[in-house]
Amino acid sequence: MIYKVHWIVDGVAEIEAESKEDAEKKLQETLEDYVKSSKPLMDKFYAKSIQGTAYLPGNDEKGEKNEEDEKED
């Protein structure tokens, strides 16, 4: 039997940029180029979309300690 599996890859990258939008654009373009040039991702795993959102490190990082939290410990 053949099953279809919907898969998602989650990751975090640090990008030097002038704005959130610029950071998102830089990463989007880099990942798109990588996926398009990867035969397994295009032909076997059928990568369909890439999405993400930029944020400033610190309080926006859920579940991770930021520098201020570490100073208090």
N, C-alpha and C. Protein backbone atom coordinates (compact mmCIF):
# COMPACT_ATOMS: atom_id res chain seq x y z
N MET A 1 0.83 -1.17 0.00
CA MET A 1 0.00 0.00 0.00
C MET A 1 0.88 1.25 0.00
N ILE A 2 0.47 2.27 -0.70
CA ILE A 2 1.20 3.53 -0.73
C ILE A 2 0.45 4.54 0.14
N TYR A 3 1.18 5.16 1.05
CA TYR A 3 0.61 6.20 1.91
C TYR A 3 1.25 7.53 1.56
N LYS A 4 0.49 8.58 1.65
CA LYS A 4 1.05 9.92 1.51
C LYS A 4 1.31 10.46 2.90
N VAL A 5 2.44 11.09 3.09
CA VAL A 5 2.82 11.65 4.38
C VAL A 5 3.08 13.14 4.21
N HIS A 6 2.33 13.96 4.93
CA HIS A 6 2.55 15.41 4.92
C HIS A 6 3.63 15.68 5.96
N TRP A 7 4.73 16.28 5.55
CA TRP A 7 5.84 16.51 6.46
C TRP A 7 6.15 17.99 6.57
N ILE A 8 6.68 18.37 7.71
CA ILE A 8 7.05 19.76 7.99
C ILE A 8 8.43 19.76 8.62
N VAL A 9 9.28 20.65 8.18
CA VAL A 9 10.60 20.81 8.78
C VAL A 9 10.62 22.14 9.51
N ASP A 10 11.00 22.13 10.77
CA ASP A 10 11.02 23.33 11.60
C ASP A 10 12.47 23.67 11.91
N GLY A 11 12.85 24.92 11.79
CA GLY A 11 14.21 25.31 12.08
C GLY A 11 14.31 26.77 12.43
N VAL A 12 15.48 27.18 12.92
CA VAL A 12 15.74 28.57 13.27
C VAL A 12 17.10 28.95 12.69
N ALA A 13 17.16 30.10 12.05
CA ALA A 13 18.42 30.60 11.50
C ALA A 13 18.63 32.02 11.99
N GLU A 14 19.87 32.39 12.19
CA GLU A 14 20.20 33.78 12.53
C GLU A 14 20.62 34.48 11.25
N ILE A 15 19.91 35.56 10.93
CA ILE A 15 20.13 36.29 9.67
C ILE A 15 20.43 37.75 9.97
N GLU A 16 21.50 38.26 9.43
CA GLU A 16 21.82 39.69 9.54
C GLU A 16 20.99 40.44 8.52
N ALA A 17 20.15 41.38 9.00
CA ALA A 17 19.25 42.09 8.09
C ALA A 17 18.86 43.44 8.68
N GLU A 18 18.30 44.29 7.83
CA GLU A 18 17.86 45.62 8.24
C GLU A 18 16.47 45.62 8.88
N SER A 19 15.67 44.59 8.58
CA SER A 19 14.30 44.52 9.10
C SER A 19 13.84 43.07 9.13
N LYS A 20 12.70 42.84 9.80
CA LYS A 20 12.12 41.49 9.80
C LYS A 20 11.84 41.03 8.39
N GLU A 21 11.25 41.92 7.60
CA GLU A 21 10.89 41.57 6.22
C GLU A 21 12.13 41.20 5.40
N ASP A 22 13.21 41.96 5.61
CA ASP A 22 14.45 41.68 4.89
C ASP A 22 15.03 40.33 5.32
N ALA A 23 14.99 40.03 6.61
CA ALA A 23 15.48 38.74 7.11
C ALA A 23 14.67 37.60 6.52
N GLU A 24 13.35 37.74 6.52
CA GLU A 24 12.48 36.70 5.97
C GLU A 24 12.76 36.50 4.48
N LYS A 25 12.93 37.60 3.75
CA LYS A 25 13.19 37.51 2.31
C LYS A 25 14.51 36.81 2.03
N LYS A 26 15.55 37.18 2.78
CA LYS A 26 16.87 36.56 2.58
C LYS A 26 16.81 35.06 2.81
N LEU A 27 16.18 34.65 3.90
CA LEU A 27 16.10 33.22 4.19
C LEU A 27 15.22 32.50 3.17
N GLN A 28 14.11 33.10 2.81
CA GLN A 28 13.19 32.51 1.83
C GLN A 28 13.93 32.24 0.52
N GLU A 29 14.65 33.23 0.03
CA GLU A 29 15.37 33.07 -1.24
C GLU A 29 16.44 31.99 -1.15
N THR A 30 17.17 31.96 -0.03
CA THR A 30 18.22 30.96 0.14
C THR A 30 17.63 29.55 0.19
N LEU A 31 16.55 29.38 0.96
CA LEU A 31 15.93 28.06 1.06
C LEU A 31 15.30 27.63 -0.27
N GLU A 32 14.66 28.56 -0.96
CA GLU A 32 14.07 28.21 -2.26
C GLU A 32 15.14 27.73 -3.23
N ASP A 33 16.27 28.45 -3.28
CA ASP A 33 17.36 28.04 -4.16
C ASP A 33 17.87 26.64 -3.79
N TYR A 34 18.00 26.39 -2.49
CA TYR A 34 18.49 25.10 -2.03
C TYR A 34 17.51 23.98 -2.41
N VAL A 35 16.24 24.19 -2.15
CA VAL A 35 15.23 23.17 -2.44
C VAL A 35 15.16 22.91 -3.94
N LYS A 36 15.15 23.96 -4.74
CA LYS A 36 15.05 23.80 -6.19
C LYS A 36 16.25 23.07 -6.78
N SER A 37 17.42 23.20 -6.13
CA SER A 37 18.62 22.54 -6.66
C SER A 37 18.82 21.15 -6.05
N SER A 38 17.94 20.75 -5.15
CA SER A 38 18.04 19.43 -4.53
C SER A 38 17.10 18.45 -5.22
N LYS A 39 17.66 17.54 -5.99
CA LYS A 39 16.84 16.56 -6.72
C LYS A 39 15.96 15.73 -5.77
N PRO A 40 16.48 15.22 -4.65
CA PRO A 40 15.60 14.45 -3.75
C PRO A 40 14.45 15.29 -3.19
N LEU A 41 14.70 16.53 -2.82
CA LEU A 41 13.62 17.36 -2.28
C LEU A 41 12.56 17.65 -3.33
N MET A 42 12.96 17.82 -4.55
CA MET A 42 11.99 18.13 -5.60
C MET A 42 11.31 16.88 -6.15
N ASP A 43 12.06 15.78 -6.31
CA ASP A 43 11.52 14.60 -6.99
C ASP A 43 10.98 13.52 -6.06
N LYS A 44 11.58 13.38 -4.88
CA LYS A 44 11.15 12.31 -3.98
C LYS A 44 10.25 12.83 -2.87
N PHE A 45 10.61 13.96 -2.27
CA PHE A 45 9.87 14.47 -1.12
C PHE A 45 8.86 15.54 -1.51
N TYR A 46 8.86 15.97 -2.75
CA TYR A 46 7.87 16.91 -3.28
C TYR A 46 7.68 18.15 -2.40
N ALA A 47 8.77 18.84 -2.12
CA ALA A 47 8.67 20.07 -1.33
C ALA A 47 7.73 21.03 -2.05
N LYS A 48 6.71 21.52 -1.34
CA LYS A 48 5.70 22.37 -1.94
C LYS A 48 5.77 23.82 -1.48
N SER A 49 6.16 24.05 -0.24
CA SER A 49 6.14 25.42 0.25
C SER A 49 7.18 25.60 1.35
N ILE A 50 7.54 26.85 1.54
CA ILE A 50 8.45 27.26 2.60
C ILE A 50 7.84 28.49 3.22
N GLN A 51 7.76 28.52 4.53
CA GLN A 51 7.28 29.74 5.16
C GLN A 51 7.96 29.92 6.50
N GLY A 52 8.00 31.13 6.97
CA GLY A 52 8.61 31.43 8.25
C GLY A 52 8.32 32.84 8.66
N THR A 53 8.69 33.18 9.87
CA THR A 53 8.50 34.53 10.37
C THR A 53 9.72 34.95 11.17
N ALA A 54 10.11 36.19 11.04
CA ALA A 54 11.28 36.70 11.74
C ALA A 54 10.86 37.31 13.07
N TYR A 55 11.78 37.30 14.03
CA TYR A 55 11.55 37.94 15.33
C TYR A 55 12.90 38.29 15.92
N LEU A 56 12.90 39.20 16.86
CA LEU A 56 14.12 39.55 17.56
C LEU A 56 14.35 38.55 18.68
N PRO A 57 15.58 38.08 18.86
CA PRO A 57 15.85 37.15 19.95
C PRO A 57 15.48 37.77 21.30
N GLY A 58 15.05 36.94 22.20
CA GLY A 58 14.71 37.42 23.54
C GLY A 58 13.36 36.93 23.98
N ASN A 59 12.50 37.83 24.37
CA ASN A 59 11.21 37.46 24.92
C ASN A 59 10.32 36.72 23.94
N ASP A 60 10.54 36.88 22.65
CA ASP A 60 9.72 36.19 21.66
C ASP A 60 10.04 34.70 21.57
N GLU A 61 11.16 34.28 22.14
CA GLU A 61 11.57 32.89 22.06
C GLU A 61 10.92 32.10 23.19
N LYS A 62 9.87 31.38 22.88
CA LYS A 62 9.14 30.61 23.87
C LYS A 62 9.94 29.38 24.26
N GLY A 63 10.04 29.14 25.55
CA GLY A 63 10.71 27.94 26.03
C GLY A 63 12.21 28.04 26.05
N GLU A 64 12.76 29.16 25.64
CA GLU A 64 14.20 29.33 25.67
C GLU A 64 14.53 30.49 26.58
N LYS A 65 15.61 30.36 27.35
CA LYS A 65 16.03 31.44 28.22
C LYS A 65 16.73 32.52 27.41
N ASN A 66 16.45 33.78 27.72
CA ASN A 66 17.19 34.84 27.07
C ASN A 66 18.27 35.34 28.02
N GLU A 67 19.09 36.29 27.60
CA GLU A 67 20.20 36.76 28.41
C GLU A 67 19.75 37.34 29.74
N GLU A 68 18.65 38.05 29.78
CA GLU A 68 18.16 38.63 31.03
C GLU A 68 17.76 37.54 32.03
N ASP A 69 17.12 36.48 31.54
CA ASP A 69 16.75 35.35 32.41
C ASP A 69 18.00 34.71 33.00
N GLU A 70 19.05 34.56 32.19
CA GLU A 70 20.26 33.92 32.66
C GLU A 70 20.97 34.75 33.70
N LYS A 71 20.90 36.09 33.60
CA LYS A 71 21.53 36.96 34.60
C LYS A 71 20.84 36.82 35.95
N GLU A 72 19.52 36.57 35.93
CA GLU A 72 18.77 36.45 37.18
C GLU A 72 19.05 35.14 37.89
N ASP A 73 19.48 34.10 37.16
CA ASP A 73 19.73 32.77 37.77
C ASP A 73 20.95 32.75 38.64
